[in-house]
Amino acid sequence: MTGLAGAYDRPVIADWNTFYAAQAGASAALAGLVFVALSINLRQILAHPELLPGRAGEAVIMMVQPVFVALVILIPNQSMRTLGVEMLLLGGIAFGIVNLILWRAFEPSRERETREFVLRVSMAELALLPTIIGGALLVNGSATGLDWQAFGVLMCLAVGITDAWVLLVEILR
């Protein structure tokens, strides 16, 4: 496919409008619930500065990143190349921030914690990489980048919900 700004790529993106409108709404609602839970439990979260604030930040990013991506995809009259660059930026920023949070939280004091840390990093990266891959594919003219991002949003929501659940369990310990 040549001519990325041509008429061909806009209908392909338009085919996804319903999915991304639903993604934006669902992700925003879930992010709102996480914000409410965090605000209600903020004192308990801040009482464990070595563990819980980072987990809270990770949960928020995992829930909010799909909202931003969906809103960018829903911007009318943009080419796949432009959309790809936007997705690369959003995915890269989220990936960088989450990895910074994760690496700051790592303290290899016990074998179990190391295994849990590796699992946590793997899940976070697996959730955020599809947006980056999808952006790269769109920049190169492949509409399959939207398929990758759709997988990425499902992973982000799964990781974000898991993070929120772990936070609530840790608060009650």
C-alpha atoms as a PDB file:
ATOM      1  CA  MET A   1       0.000   0.000   0.000  1.00  0.00           C
ATOM      2  CA  THR A   2       1.471   3.326  -1.047  1.00  0.00           C
ATOM      3  CA  GLY A   3       0.212   6.835  -0.475  1.00  0.00           C
ATOM      4  CA  LEU A   4      -0.366   6.649   3.272  1.00  0.00           C
ATOM      5  CA  ALA A   5      -2.341   9.872   3.276  1.00  0.00           C
ATOM      6  CA  GLY A   6      -4.610   8.602   0.500  1.00  0.00           C
ATOM      7  CA  ALA A   7      -8.258   7.674   0.602  1.00  0.00           C
ATOM      8  CA  TYR A   8      -7.491   3.987   1.274  1.00  0.00           C
ATOM      9  CA  ASP A   9      -6.297   4.290   4.869  1.00  0.00           C
ATOM     10  CA  ARG A  10      -9.106   6.471   6.220  1.00  0.00           C
ATOM     11  CA  PRO A  11     -11.860   3.876   5.623  1.00  0.00           C
ATOM     12  CA  VAL A  12      -9.687   1.230   7.294  1.00  0.00           C
ATOM     13  CA  ILE A  13      -9.398   3.403  10.387  1.00  0.00           C
ATOM     14  CA  ALA A  14     -13.108   4.261  10.168  1.00  0.00           C
ATOM     15  CA  ASP A  15     -13.923   0.534  10.348  1.00  0.00           C
ATOM     16  CA  TRP A  16     -12.538   0.582  13.892  1.00  0.00           C
ATOM     17  CA  ASN A  17     -14.418   3.668  15.137  1.00  0.00           C
ATOM     18  CA  THR A  18     -17.042   1.731  17.087  1.00  0.00           C
ATOM     19  CA  PHE A  19     -14.415  -0.418  18.795  1.00  0.00           C
ATOM     20  CA  TYR A  20     -12.281   2.564  19.779  1.00  0.00           C
ATOM     21  CA  ALA A  21     -15.275   4.611  20.954  1.00  0.00           C
ATOM     22  CA  ALA A  22     -16.226   1.695  23.203  1.00  0.00           C
ATOM     23  CA  GLN A  23     -12.581   1.340  24.280  1.00  0.00           C
ATOM     24  CA  ALA A  24     -12.375   4.994  25.259  1.00  0.00           C
ATOM     25  CA  GLY A  25     -15.593   4.830  27.269  1.00  0.00           C
ATOM     26  CA  ALA A  26     -14.877   1.545  29.016  1.00  0.00           C
ATOM     27  CA  SER A  27     -11.270   2.455  29.811  1.00  0.00           C
ATOM     28  CA  ALA A  28     -12.269   5.878  31.113  1.00  0.00           C
ATOM     29  CA  ALA A  29     -14.921   4.333  33.358  1.00  0.00           C
ATOM     30  CA  LEU A  30     -12.450   1.785  34.752  1.00  0.00           C
ATOM     31  CA  ALA A  31      -9.801   4.483  35.229  1.00  0.00           C
ATOM     32  CA  GLY A  32     -12.365   6.541  37.134  1.00  0.00           C
ATOM     33  CA  LEU A  33     -13.110   3.618  39.426  1.00  0.00           C
ATOM     34  CA  VAL A  34      -9.392   3.154  40.086  1.00  0.00           C
ATOM     35  CA  PHE A  35      -9.027   6.871  40.883  1.00  0.00           C
ATOM     36  CA  VAL A  36     -11.926   6.671  43.352  1.00  0.00           C
ATOM     37  CA  ALA A  37     -10.445   3.578  45.015  1.00  0.00           C
ATOM     38  CA  LEU A  38      -7.047   5.268  45.236  1.00  0.00           C
ATOM     39  CA  SER A  39      -8.447   8.470  46.680  1.00  0.00           C
ATOM     40  CA  ILE A  40     -10.454   6.575  49.303  1.00  0.00           C
ATOM     41  CA  ASN A  41      -7.362   4.594  50.313  1.00  0.00           C
ATOM     42  CA  LEU A  42      -4.687   7.238  49.767  1.00  0.00           C
ATOM     43  CA  ARG A  43      -3.558   7.339  53.396  1.00  0.00           C
ATOM     44  CA  GLN A  44      -3.001   3.562  53.468  1.00  0.00           C
ATOM     45  CA  ILE A  45      -1.217   3.649  50.086  1.00  0.00           C
ATOM     46  CA  LEU A  46       1.150   6.381  51.217  1.00  0.00           C
ATOM     47  CA  ALA A  47       1.843   4.469  54.440  1.00  0.00           C
ATOM     48  CA  HIS A  48       3.800   1.949  52.309  1.00  0.00           C
ATOM     49  CA  PRO A  49       5.948   4.217  50.101  1.00  0.00           C
ATOM     50  CA  GLU A  50       8.264   1.408  48.991  1.00  0.00           C
ATOM     51  CA  LEU A  51       5.497  -0.679  47.400  1.00  0.00           C
ATOM     52  CA  LEU A  52       2.020   0.725  46.976  1.00  0.00           C
ATOM     53  CA  PRO A  53       2.381   4.192  45.338  1.00  0.00           C
ATOM     54  CA  GLY A  54       4.269   2.630  42.419  1.00  0.00           C
ATOM     55  CA  ARG A  55       1.629  -0.058  42.015  1.00  0.00           C
ATOM     56  CA  ALA A  56      -1.034   2.669  42.084  1.00  0.00           C
ATOM     57  CA  GLY A  57       0.797   4.645  39.401  1.00  0.00           C
ATOM     58  CA  GLU A  58       1.132   1.543  37.253  1.00  0.00           C
ATOM     59  CA  ALA A  59      -2.601   0.796  37.603  1.00  0.00           C
ATOM     60  CA  VAL A  60      -3.538   4.336  36.593  1.00  0.00           C
ATOM     61  CA  ILE A  61      -1.249   4.324  33.550  1.00  0.00           C
ATOM     62  CA  MET A  62      -2.557   0.936  32.425  1.00  0.00           C
ATOM     63  CA  MET A  63      -6.125   2.232  32.617  1.00  0.00           C
ATOM     64  CA  VAL A  64      -5.541   5.697  31.134  1.00  0.00           C
ATOM     65  CA  GLN A  65      -3.209   4.765  28.255  1.00  0.00           C
ATOM     66  CA  PRO A  66      -5.998   2.993  26.302  1.00  0.00           C
ATOM     67  CA  VAL A  67      -8.183   6.099  26.693  1.00  0.00           C
ATOM     68  CA  PHE A  68      -5.525   8.324  25.122  1.00  0.00           C
ATOM     69  CA  VAL A  69      -4.828   5.862  22.317  1.00  0.00           C
ATOM     70  CA  ALA A  70      -8.536   5.475  21.523  1.00  0.00           C
ATOM     71  CA  LEU A  71      -9.042   9.234  21.458  1.00  0.00           C
ATOM     72  CA  VAL A  72      -6.066   9.684  19.141  1.00  0.00           C
ATOM     73  CA  ILE A  73      -7.402   6.981  16.810  1.00  0.00           C
ATOM     74  CA  LEU A  74     -10.802   8.701  16.727  1.00  0.00           C
ATOM     75  CA  ILE A  75      -9.332  12.005  15.498  1.00  0.00           C
ATOM     76  CA  PRO A  76     -10.883  12.440  12.045  1.00  0.00           C
ATOM     77  CA  ASN A  77      -9.030  12.862   8.756  1.00  0.00           C
ATOM     78  CA  GLN A  78      -5.577  11.764   9.804  1.00  0.00           C
ATOM     79  CA  SER A  79      -3.382   9.395   7.858  1.00  0.00           C
ATOM     80  CA  MET A  80      -2.184   6.027   9.122  1.00  0.00           C
ATOM     81  CA  ARG A  81       1.331   7.429   9.268  1.00  0.00           C
ATOM     82  CA  THR A  82       0.241  10.276  11.558  1.00  0.00           C
ATOM     83  CA  LEU A  83      -1.744   7.861  13.707  1.00  0.00           C
ATOM     84  CA  GLY A  84       1.243   5.523  13.844  1.00  0.00           C
ATOM     85  CA  VAL A  85       3.518   8.297  15.092  1.00  0.00           C
ATOM     86  CA  GLU A  86       0.956   9.258  17.735  1.00  0.00           C
ATOM     87  CA  MET A  87       0.657   5.641  18.886  1.00  0.00           C
ATOM     88  CA  LEU A  88       4.453   5.284  18.997  1.00  0.00           C
ATOM     89  CA  LEU A  89       4.668   8.368  21.209  1.00  0.00           C
ATOM     90  CA  LEU A  90       1.851   7.330  23.554  1.00  0.00           C
ATOM     91  CA  GLY A  91       3.070   3.745  23.792  1.00  0.00           C
ATOM     92  CA  GLY A  92       6.681   4.795  24.275  1.00  0.00           C
ATOM     93  CA  ILE A  93       5.865   7.316  26.997  1.00  0.00           C
ATOM     94  CA  ALA A  94       3.672   4.820  28.903  1.00  0.00           C
ATOM     95  CA  PHE A  95       6.298   2.077  28.472  1.00  0.00           C
ATOM     96  CA  GLY A  96       9.052   4.341  29.792  1.00  0.00           C
ATOM     97  CA  ILE A  97       7.103   5.588  32.803  1.00  0.00           C
ATOM     98  CA  VAL A  98       5.870   2.124  33.813  1.00  0.00           C
ATOM     99  CA  ASN A  99       9.354   0.642  33.504  1.00  0.00           C
ATOM    100  CA  LEU A 100      10.785   3.483  35.599  1.00  0.00           C
ATOM    101  CA  ILE A 101       8.156   2.792  38.278  1.00  0.00           C
ATOM    102  CA  LEU A 102       8.879  -0.938  38.167  1.00  0.00           C
ATOM    103  CA  TRP A 103      12.654  -0.665  38.349  1.00  0.00           C
ATOM    104  CA  ARG A 104      12.454   1.784  41.263  1.00  0.00           C
ATOM    105  CA  ALA A 105      10.251  -0.695  43.139  1.00  0.00           C
ATOM    106  CA  PHE A 106      12.623  -3.635  42.694  1.00  0.00           C
ATOM    107  CA  GLU A 107      14.469  -4.827  45.778  1.00  0.00           C
ATOM    108  CA  PRO A 108      15.849  -8.354  45.311  1.00  0.00           C
ATOM    109  CA  SER A 109      15.624  -9.319  48.972  1.00  0.00           C
ATOM    110  CA  ARG A 110      13.955 -12.704  48.484  1.00  0.00           C
ATOM    111  CA  GLU A 111      13.679 -15.201  45.646  1.00  0.00           C
ATOM    112  CA  ARG A 112       9.881 -15.013  45.690  1.00  0.00           C
ATOM    113  CA  GLU A 113       9.937 -11.236  45.282  1.00  0.00           C
ATOM    114  CA  THR A 114      12.302 -11.564  42.312  1.00  0.00           C
ATOM    115  CA  ARG A 115       9.942 -14.015  40.573  1.00  0.00           C
ATOM    116  CA  GLU A 116       6.969 -11.744  41.279  1.00  0.00           C
ATOM    117  CA  PHE A 117       8.923  -8.757  39.964  1.00  0.00           C
ATOM    118  CA  VAL A 118       9.847 -10.571  36.735  1.00  0.00           C
ATOM    119  CA  LEU A 119       6.188 -11.546  36.242  1.00  0.00           C
ATOM    120  CA  ARG A 120       5.027  -7.983  36.927  1.00  0.00           C
ATOM    121  CA  VAL A 121       7.545  -6.483  34.474  1.00  0.00           C
ATOM    122  CA  SER A 122       6.700  -9.092  31.835  1.00  0.00           C
ATOM    123  CA  MET A 123       2.969  -8.449  32.088  1.00  0.00           C
ATOM    124  CA  ALA A 124       3.372  -4.662  31.979  1.00  0.00           C
ATOM    125  CA  GLU A 125       5.644  -4.804  28.968  1.00  0.00           C
ATOM    126  CA  LEU A 126       3.419  -7.341  27.195  1.00  0.00           C
ATOM    127  CA  ALA A 127       0.514  -4.942  27.722  1.00  0.00           C
ATOM    128  CA  LEU A 128       2.296  -1.837  26.408  1.00  0.00           C
ATOM    129  CA  LEU A 129       4.414  -3.224  23.558  1.00  0.00           C
ATOM    130  CA  PRO A 130       1.465  -3.892  21.200  1.00  0.00           C
ATOM    131  CA  THR A 131       0.747  -0.158  21.003  1.00  0.00           C
ATOM    132  CA  ILE A 132       4.360   0.494  20.029  1.00  0.00           C
ATOM    133  CA  ILE A 133       4.350  -2.371  17.508  1.00  0.00           C
ATOM    134  CA  GLY A 134       0.991  -1.204  16.172  1.00  0.00           C
ATOM    135  CA  GLY A 135       2.300   2.329  15.772  1.00  0.00           C
ATOM    136  CA  ALA A 136       5.338   1.102  13.858  1.00  0.00           C
ATOM    137  CA  LEU A 137       3.140  -0.985  11.559  1.00  0.00           C
ATOM    138  CA  LEU A 138       0.854   1.979  10.867  1.00  0.00           C
ATOM    139  CA  VAL A 139       3.832   4.216  10.094  1.00  0.00           C
ATOM    140  CA  ASN A 140       4.909   1.604   7.546  1.00  0.00           C
ATOM    141  CA  GLY A 141       1.432   1.497   5.968  1.00  0.00           C
ATOM    142  CA  SER A 142       0.036  -1.676   7.511  1.00  0.00           C
ATOM    143  CA  ALA A 143      -3.458  -1.449   8.961  1.00  0.00           C
ATOM    144  CA  THR A 144      -2.671  -4.531  11.086  1.00  0.00           C
ATOM    145  CA  GLY A 145      -1.268  -2.028  13.558  1.00  0.00           C
ATOM    146  CA  LEU A 146      -4.855  -1.508  14.696  1.00  0.00           C
ATOM    147  CA  ASP A 147      -5.146  -5.242  15.430  1.00  0.00           C
ATOM    148  CA  TRP A 148      -2.007  -5.061  17.576  1.00  0.00           C
ATOM    149  CA  GLN A 149      -3.338  -2.081  19.474  1.00  0.00           C
ATOM    150  CA  ALA A 150      -6.662  -3.855  20.082  1.00  0.00           C
ATOM    151  CA  PHE A 151      -4.736  -6.724  21.707  1.00  0.00           C
ATOM    152  CA  GLY A 152      -2.707  -4.176  23.672  1.00  0.00           C
ATOM    153  CA  VAL A 153      -5.782  -2.498  25.142  1.00  0.00           C
ATOM    154  CA  LEU A 154      -7.102  -5.832  26.364  1.00  0.00           C
ATOM    155  CA  MET A 155      -3.755  -6.542  28.001  1.00  0.00           C
ATOM    156  CA  CYS A 156      -3.568  -3.047  29.529  1.00  0.00           C
ATOM    157  CA  LEU A 157      -7.002  -3.457  31.062  1.00  0.00           C
ATOM    158  CA  ALA A 158      -6.143  -6.924  32.391  1.00  0.00           C
ATOM    159  CA  VAL A 159      -2.891  -5.675  33.949  1.00  0.00           C
ATOM    160  CA  GLY A 160      -4.544  -2.516  35.278  1.00  0.00           C
ATOM    161  CA  ILE A 161      -7.350  -4.490  36.910  1.00  0.00           C
ATOM    162  CA  THR A 162      -4.808  -6.907  38.386  1.00  0.00           C
ATOM    163  CA  ASP A 163      -2.760  -3.996  39.745  1.00  0.00           C
ATOM    164  CA  ALA A 164      -5.871  -2.439  41.280  1.00  0.00           C
ATOM    165  CA  TRP A 165      -6.854  -5.759  42.865  1.00  0.00           C
ATOM    166  CA  VAL A 166      -3.358  -6.300  44.310  1.00  0.00           C
ATOM    167  CA  LEU A 167      -3.419  -2.750  45.683  1.00  0.00           C
ATOM    168  CA  LEU A 168      -6.710  -3.315  47.456  1.00  0.00           C
ATOM    169  CA  VAL A 169      -5.539  -6.642  48.893  1.00  0.00           C
ATOM    170  CA  GLU A 170      -2.234  -5.132  50.075  1.00  0.00           C
ATOM    171  CA  ILE A 171      -4.055  -2.205  51.695  1.00  0.00           C
ATOM    172  CA  LEU A 172      -6.165  -4.586  53.753  1.00  0.00           C
ATOM    173  CA  ARG A 173      -3.201  -6.674  54.985  1.00  0.00           C
END
